[in-house]
N, C-alpha and C. Protein backbone atom coordinates (compact mmCIF):
# COMPACT_ATOMS: atom_id res chain seq x y z
N MET A 1 24.60 17.15 9.51
CA MET A 1 23.93 15.68 9.82
C MET A 1 24.35 15.06 9.07
N SER A 2 24.99 14.11 9.23
CA SER A 2 25.53 12.96 7.94
C SER A 2 24.78 12.19 7.62
N GLY A 3 25.14 11.54 6.74
CA GLY A 3 24.32 10.99 5.56
C GLY A 3 23.35 9.34 6.29
N ILE A 4 24.09 9.20 7.65
CA ILE A 4 23.71 8.18 8.08
C ILE A 4 22.53 8.59 9.33
N SER A 5 23.34 9.60 9.64
CA SER A 5 21.91 10.18 10.81
C SER A 5 20.92 10.39 9.61
N GLU A 6 20.85 11.20 8.35
CA GLU A 6 19.63 11.48 7.74
C GLU A 6 19.19 10.39 7.30
N LEU A 7 19.65 9.41 7.21
CA LEU A 7 19.10 7.29 6.90
C LEU A 7 18.44 7.12 7.94
N GLU A 8 18.81 7.23 8.91
CA GLU A 8 18.10 7.10 10.61
C GLU A 8 16.70 7.71 10.39
N LEU A 9 16.87 9.24 10.79
CA LEU A 9 15.50 10.14 10.35
C LEU A 9 14.61 9.37 9.20
N LEU A 10 15.04 9.02 8.14
CA LEU A 10 14.13 9.18 7.28
C LEU A 10 13.61 7.01 7.56
N PHE A 11 13.71 6.42 7.98
CA PHE A 11 13.62 5.57 8.14
C PHE A 11 12.56 5.47 10.29
N ASP A 12 13.34 6.46 10.86
CA ASP A 12 12.42 6.38 11.66
C ASP A 12 11.18 6.72 11.40
N LYS A 13 11.07 7.90 10.42
CA LYS A 13 9.68 8.64 9.88
C LYS A 13 9.06 7.68 8.79
N ILE A 14 9.72 7.00 8.45
CA ILE A 14 8.76 5.92 7.55
C ILE A 14 8.72 4.69 8.49
N LYS A 15 8.47 4.09 9.38
CA LYS A 15 8.14 3.46 10.41
C LYS A 15 6.84 3.92 10.66
N VAL A 16 6.76 5.28 10.88
CA VAL A 16 5.39 6.06 11.70
C VAL A 16 4.46 5.89 10.73
N PHE A 17 4.64 6.13 9.80
CA PHE A 17 3.67 6.39 8.30
C PHE A 17 3.18 4.39 7.69
N PHE A 18 4.11 3.61 7.29
CA PHE A 18 3.73 2.07 7.59
C PHE A 18 3.40 1.42 9.04
N LYS A 19 2.34 2.13 9.13
CA LYS A 19 1.49 1.01 10.30
C LYS A 19 0.85 0.26 9.74
N SER A 20 -0.11 -0.85 10.45
CA SER A 20 -0.86 -1.57 9.83
C SER A 20 -1.95 -1.48 8.69
N GLU A 21 -2.79 -0.30 9.40
CA GLU A 21 -4.26 0.84 8.21
C GLU A 21 -3.16 0.80 6.90
N THR A 22 -2.08 1.46 7.09
CA THR A 22 -1.54 1.63 5.77
C THR A 22 -1.77 0.30 4.77
N ILE A 23 -0.93 -1.69 5.18
CA ILE A 23 -1.16 -2.34 4.53
C ILE A 23 -2.32 -2.60 4.30
N MET A 24 -3.42 -2.74 5.41
CA MET A 24 -4.87 -3.12 5.11
C MET A 24 -5.55 -1.99 5.38
N GLY A 25 -6.16 -1.37 4.42
CA GLY A 25 -7.03 -0.69 4.54
C GLY A 25 -8.59 -0.61 5.17
N LYS A 26 -8.82 0.75 5.37
CA LYS A 26 -10.22 0.46 6.68
C LYS A 26 -11.33 0.10 5.67
N PRO A 27 -11.85 -1.10 6.88
CA PRO A 27 -13.15 -1.32 6.47
C PRO A 27 -14.36 -0.36 5.70
N ILE A 28 -14.38 -1.26 4.54
CA ILE A 28 -15.62 0.21 3.94
C ILE A 28 -16.97 -0.67 3.84
N GLU A 29 -17.68 -0.23 4.13
CA GLU A 29 -19.61 -1.20 4.71
C GLU A 29 -20.68 -0.06 3.45
N ALA A 30 -21.10 -1.80 2.41
CA ALA A 30 -21.85 -1.00 1.35
C ALA A 30 -23.09 -2.01 1.79
N GLY A 31 -24.03 -1.68 3.09
CA GLY A 31 -25.36 -2.24 2.66
C GLY A 31 -24.76 -3.82 4.06
N ASN A 32 -24.79 -4.49 2.87
CA ASN A 32 -24.44 -6.17 3.79
C ASN A 32 -22.76 -6.27 3.41
N PHE A 33 -22.07 -5.72 2.32
CA PHE A 33 -21.06 -6.11 1.71
C PHE A 33 -19.96 -5.09 2.85
N ILE A 34 -18.70 -6.10 3.50
CA ILE A 34 -18.05 -4.92 3.61
C ILE A 34 -16.47 -5.41 2.92
N LEU A 35 -15.89 -4.20 2.33
CA LEU A 35 -15.19 -3.99 0.97
C LEU A 35 -13.53 -3.83 1.90
N ILE A 36 -12.82 -4.33 2.44
CA ILE A 36 -10.75 -4.41 2.31
C ILE A 36 -10.08 -4.35 1.29
N PRO A 37 -9.91 -3.10 1.31
CA PRO A 37 -8.36 -3.03 0.46
C PRO A 37 -7.16 -3.93 0.91
N LEU A 38 -6.26 -4.63 0.43
CA LEU A 38 -5.11 -4.97 0.83
C LEU A 38 -3.95 -4.41 -0.10
N LEU A 39 -2.95 -3.58 0.68
CA LEU A 39 -1.51 -3.00 -0.54
C LEU A 39 -0.65 -3.74 -0.08
N SER A 40 0.01 -3.68 -1.79
CA SER A 40 1.39 -3.79 -1.55
C SER A 40 1.87 -2.87 -1.33
N ILE A 41 3.38 -2.61 -0.58
CA ILE A 41 4.15 -1.85 -0.78
C ILE A 41 5.83 -2.41 -0.49
N SER A 42 6.55 -1.25 -1.54
CA SER A 42 7.68 -1.42 -1.63
C SER A 42 8.43 -0.35 -1.21
N PHE A 43 9.76 -0.16 -0.99
CA PHE A 43 10.83 0.43 -0.73
C PHE A 43 11.80 0.53 -1.07
N GLY A 44 12.66 1.54 -0.55
CA GLY A 44 13.97 1.42 -1.31
C GLY A 44 15.16 2.99 -0.69
N ALA A 45 16.64 2.72 -0.29
CA ALA A 45 16.41 3.93 0.26
C ALA A 45 18.41 3.33 0.52
N GLY A 46 19.20 4.17 -0.16
CA GLY A 46 20.83 4.36 -0.34
C GLY A 46 21.67 5.27 0.42
N ASN A 47 22.52 5.72 0.44
CA ASN A 47 23.12 6.66 0.83
C ASN A 47 24.35 6.26 -0.30
N GLY A 48 25.70 7.64 -0.07
CA GLY A 48 26.50 7.02 0.08
C GLY A 48 27.21 8.78 -0.42
N SER A 49 28.94 8.24 -0.26
CA SER A 49 29.50 9.83 -0.24
C SER A 49 31.08 9.47 -0.94
N ALA A 50 31.21 10.40 -1.33
CA ALA A 50 32.83 11.20 -1.92
C ALA A 50 33.87 11.78 -1.50
N GLY A 51 34.76 11.72 -1.25
CA GLY A 51 35.80 12.42 -1.33
C GLY A 51 37.11 12.66 -2.50
N GLY A 52 37.62 13.55 -2.65
CA GLY A 52 38.56 13.38 -3.07
C GLY A 52 38.91 15.05 -3.02
N GLU A 53 40.57 15.47 -3.74
CA GLU A 53 41.28 16.35 -3.84
C GLU A 53 40.11 17.48 -4.48
N MET A 54 38.88 17.27 -5.58
CA MET A 54 38.43 18.49 -6.42
C MET A 54 37.15 17.98 -5.63
N ALA A 55 36.69 17.39 -5.14
CA ALA A 55 34.98 17.46 -4.24
C ALA A 55 35.01 16.15 -3.10
N LYS A 56 34.18 16.99 -2.72
CA LYS A 56 34.00 16.27 -1.66
C LYS A 56 32.15 16.06 -1.12
N GLY A 57 31.59 15.12 -0.52
CA GLY A 57 30.20 15.07 -0.19
C GLY A 57 29.77 13.72 -0.02
N THR A 58 28.21 13.68 -0.05
CA THR A 58 27.74 12.94 0.72
C THR A 58 25.76 12.78 0.27
N GLY A 59 25.07 11.48 0.02
CA GLY A 59 24.23 12.21 -0.38
C GLY A 59 23.37 11.33 -0.24
N SER A 60 21.99 11.01 -0.15
CA SER A 60 20.78 9.58 0.66
C SER A 60 19.98 9.91 -0.30
N GLY A 61 19.07 8.79 -1.08
CA GLY A 61 18.23 8.87 -1.59
C GLY A 61 17.12 7.59 -0.90
N ALA A 62 15.59 8.32 -1.20
CA ALA A 62 14.59 6.75 -1.18
C ALA A 62 13.70 6.99 -1.90
N GLY A 63 12.71 6.46 -2.28
CA GLY A 63 11.56 5.76 -3.28
C GLY A 63 10.38 4.68 -2.61
N GLY A 64 9.24 4.87 -3.07
CA GLY A 64 8.60 4.01 -2.55
C GLY A 64 7.11 3.65 -3.18
N LYS A 65 6.64 3.11 -3.29
CA LYS A 65 5.70 2.33 -3.98
C LYS A 65 4.71 2.33 -3.01
N VAL A 66 2.88 1.87 -3.27
CA VAL A 66 2.13 1.69 -2.67
C VAL A 66 0.58 1.49 -3.40
N ALA A 67 0.44 0.18 -3.61
CA ALA A 67 -0.08 -0.32 -4.94
C ALA A 67 -1.65 -0.83 -4.34
N PRO A 68 -2.68 -0.49 -4.64
CA PRO A 68 -3.79 -1.96 -4.26
C PRO A 68 -3.18 -3.30 -5.18
N ALA A 69 -3.69 -4.24 -3.88
CA ALA A 69 -2.64 -5.64 -5.00
C ALA A 69 -4.24 -6.30 -4.65
N ALA A 70 -5.30 -6.42 -3.97
CA ALA A 70 -6.32 -7.08 -3.39
C ALA A 70 -7.42 -7.06 -2.61
N LEU A 71 -8.79 -7.09 -3.01
CA LEU A 71 -9.68 -6.25 -2.39
C LEU A 71 -10.29 -7.80 -1.85
N VAL A 72 -10.86 -7.61 -0.33
CA VAL A 72 -11.15 -9.47 0.17
C VAL A 72 -13.13 -8.59 0.42
N ILE A 73 -13.99 -8.66 -0.06
CA ILE A 73 -15.50 -8.79 -0.17
C ILE A 73 -15.88 -10.04 1.28
N ILE A 74 -16.43 -9.50 2.09
CA ILE A 74 -17.10 -9.82 3.03
C ILE A 74 -18.88 -9.43 2.99
N ARG A 75 -19.72 -10.54 2.56
CA ARG A 75 -21.18 -10.28 2.32
C ARG A 75 -21.41 -11.91 3.47
N ASP A 76 -22.10 -11.57 4.31
CA ASP A 76 -22.48 -12.09 4.86
C ASP A 76 -21.52 -12.96 5.97
N ASP A 77 -21.68 -14.49 5.69
CA ASP A 77 -20.89 -15.56 5.97
C ASP A 77 -19.92 -15.88 5.33
N GLU A 78 -20.30 -14.81 3.46
CA GLU A 78 -18.83 -15.38 2.52
C GLU A 78 -18.00 -14.34 2.66
N ILE A 79 -16.33 -14.80 2.66
CA ILE A 79 -15.35 -14.55 2.27
C ILE A 79 -14.99 -14.27 0.67
N ARG A 80 -14.05 -13.16 0.52
CA ARG A 80 -13.82 -13.96 -1.04
C ARG A 80 -12.97 -12.87 -1.69
N LEU A 81 -11.80 -13.25 -1.57
CA LEU A 81 -10.46 -12.54 -2.12
C LEU A 81 -10.48 -12.60 -3.05
N PHE A 82 -9.87 -11.11 -4.39
CA PHE A 82 -9.74 -10.75 -5.62
C PHE A 82 -8.86 -10.13 -5.06
N SER A 83 -7.92 -10.81 -6.59
CA SER A 83 -6.67 -10.38 -6.72
C SER A 83 -6.78 -9.41 -7.96
N LEU A 84 -6.09 -8.25 -7.37
CA LEU A 84 -6.20 -7.37 -8.24
C LEU A 84 -4.94 -7.02 -8.92
N ASN A 85 -4.11 -7.96 -9.42
CA ASN A 85 -2.77 -7.78 -9.95
C ASN A 85 -3.40 -8.90 -11.77
N GLY A 86 -4.76 -9.12 -11.73
CA GLY A 86 -5.18 -10.52 -13.04
C GLY A 86 -5.03 -11.20 -12.74
N GLU A 87 -4.74 -11.77 -11.33
CA GLU A 87 -4.97 -13.56 -11.07
C GLU A 87 -6.15 -13.75 -10.90
N ASN A 88 -7.28 -12.84 -11.13
CA ASN A 88 -8.96 -13.34 -10.55
C ASN A 88 -9.41 -13.11 -12.32
N ASN A 89 -10.63 -13.80 -12.84
CA ASN A 89 -10.98 -13.93 -14.28
C ASN A 89 -11.70 -12.57 -13.80
N PRO A 90 -11.97 -10.91 -14.29
CA PRO A 90 -12.05 -9.65 -14.42
C PRO A 90 -13.91 -10.27 -13.71
N ALA A 91 -14.38 -11.26 -14.77
CA ALA A 91 -16.09 -11.26 -14.13
C ALA A 91 -15.90 -11.38 -13.47
N GLU A 92 -15.65 -11.97 -12.29
CA GLU A 92 -16.19 -12.86 -11.32
C GLU A 92 -16.39 -11.48 -10.07
N ILE A 93 -15.34 -10.56 -10.06
CA ILE A 93 -15.74 -9.13 -9.40
C ILE A 93 -16.70 -8.41 -10.44
N SER A 94 -17.08 -8.14 -11.49
CA SER A 94 -18.08 -7.60 -12.08
C SER A 94 -19.12 -7.29 -11.87
N GLU A 95 -19.17 -8.88 -11.95
CA GLU A 95 -20.65 -9.28 -11.11
C GLU A 95 -21.19 -8.71 -10.10
N LEU A 96 -19.87 -8.74 -9.29
CA LEU A 96 -21.06 -8.41 -7.71
C LEU A 96 -21.08 -7.23 -7.85
N ILE A 97 -20.33 -6.04 -9.03
CA ILE A 97 -20.54 -4.28 -8.23
C ILE A 97 -21.41 -4.28 -8.42
N PRO A 98 -22.79 -4.51 -9.28
CA PRO A 98 -23.73 -3.60 -9.64
C PRO A 98 -24.24 -3.72 -8.65
N GLU A 99 -24.37 -5.47 -7.24
CA GLU A 99 -24.77 -5.76 -6.49
C GLU A 99 -24.74 -4.70 -4.94
N ILE A 100 -23.30 -4.39 -4.74
CA ILE A 100 -22.76 -3.54 -3.93
C ILE A 100 -23.09 -2.43 -4.12
N ILE A 101 -22.93 -1.54 -5.23
CA ILE A 101 -23.48 -0.10 -5.99
C ILE A 101 -25.06 -0.23 -5.15
N SER A 102 -26.06 -1.09 -5.70
CA SER A 102 -27.05 -1.17 -4.68
C SER A 102 -27.61 -1.47 -3.76
N SER A 103 -26.51 -1.83 -2.83
CA SER A 103 -26.46 -1.64 -1.15
C SER A 103 -26.29 -0.67 -0.50
N MET A 104 -25.69 0.08 -1.38
CA MET A 104 -25.08 1.50 -0.84
C MET A 104 -25.84 2.60 -1.28
N SER A 105 -26.68 2.14 -2.46
CA SER A 105 -28.20 3.55 -2.12
C SER A 105 -29.09 3.85 -1.73
N GLY A 106 -29.23 1.54 -1.11
CA GLY A 106 -30.17 1.41 -0.39
C GLY A 106 -30.62 1.72 1.28
């Protein structure tokens, strides 16, 4: 299999993996709260080949990263977006945690 067709096969499989559910997680219901995680996805790929009198070969590689980026919290008619990259005041989300936990156990 050539380097290009290997890369095409890799990208075809990645398309299946990176569907909309992967970017916006499944909503989690906790009492009157709905929590929706938002993810940051980055991906890179490359291939190469070499040929000469001493050696010949091809290669390809890929790497990816999926990380939580934000959290949407819906309570009644209020929608709040919290960045998980340090852009929000941590105290804001910390104040909601006890209420979310008590909603889950109630």
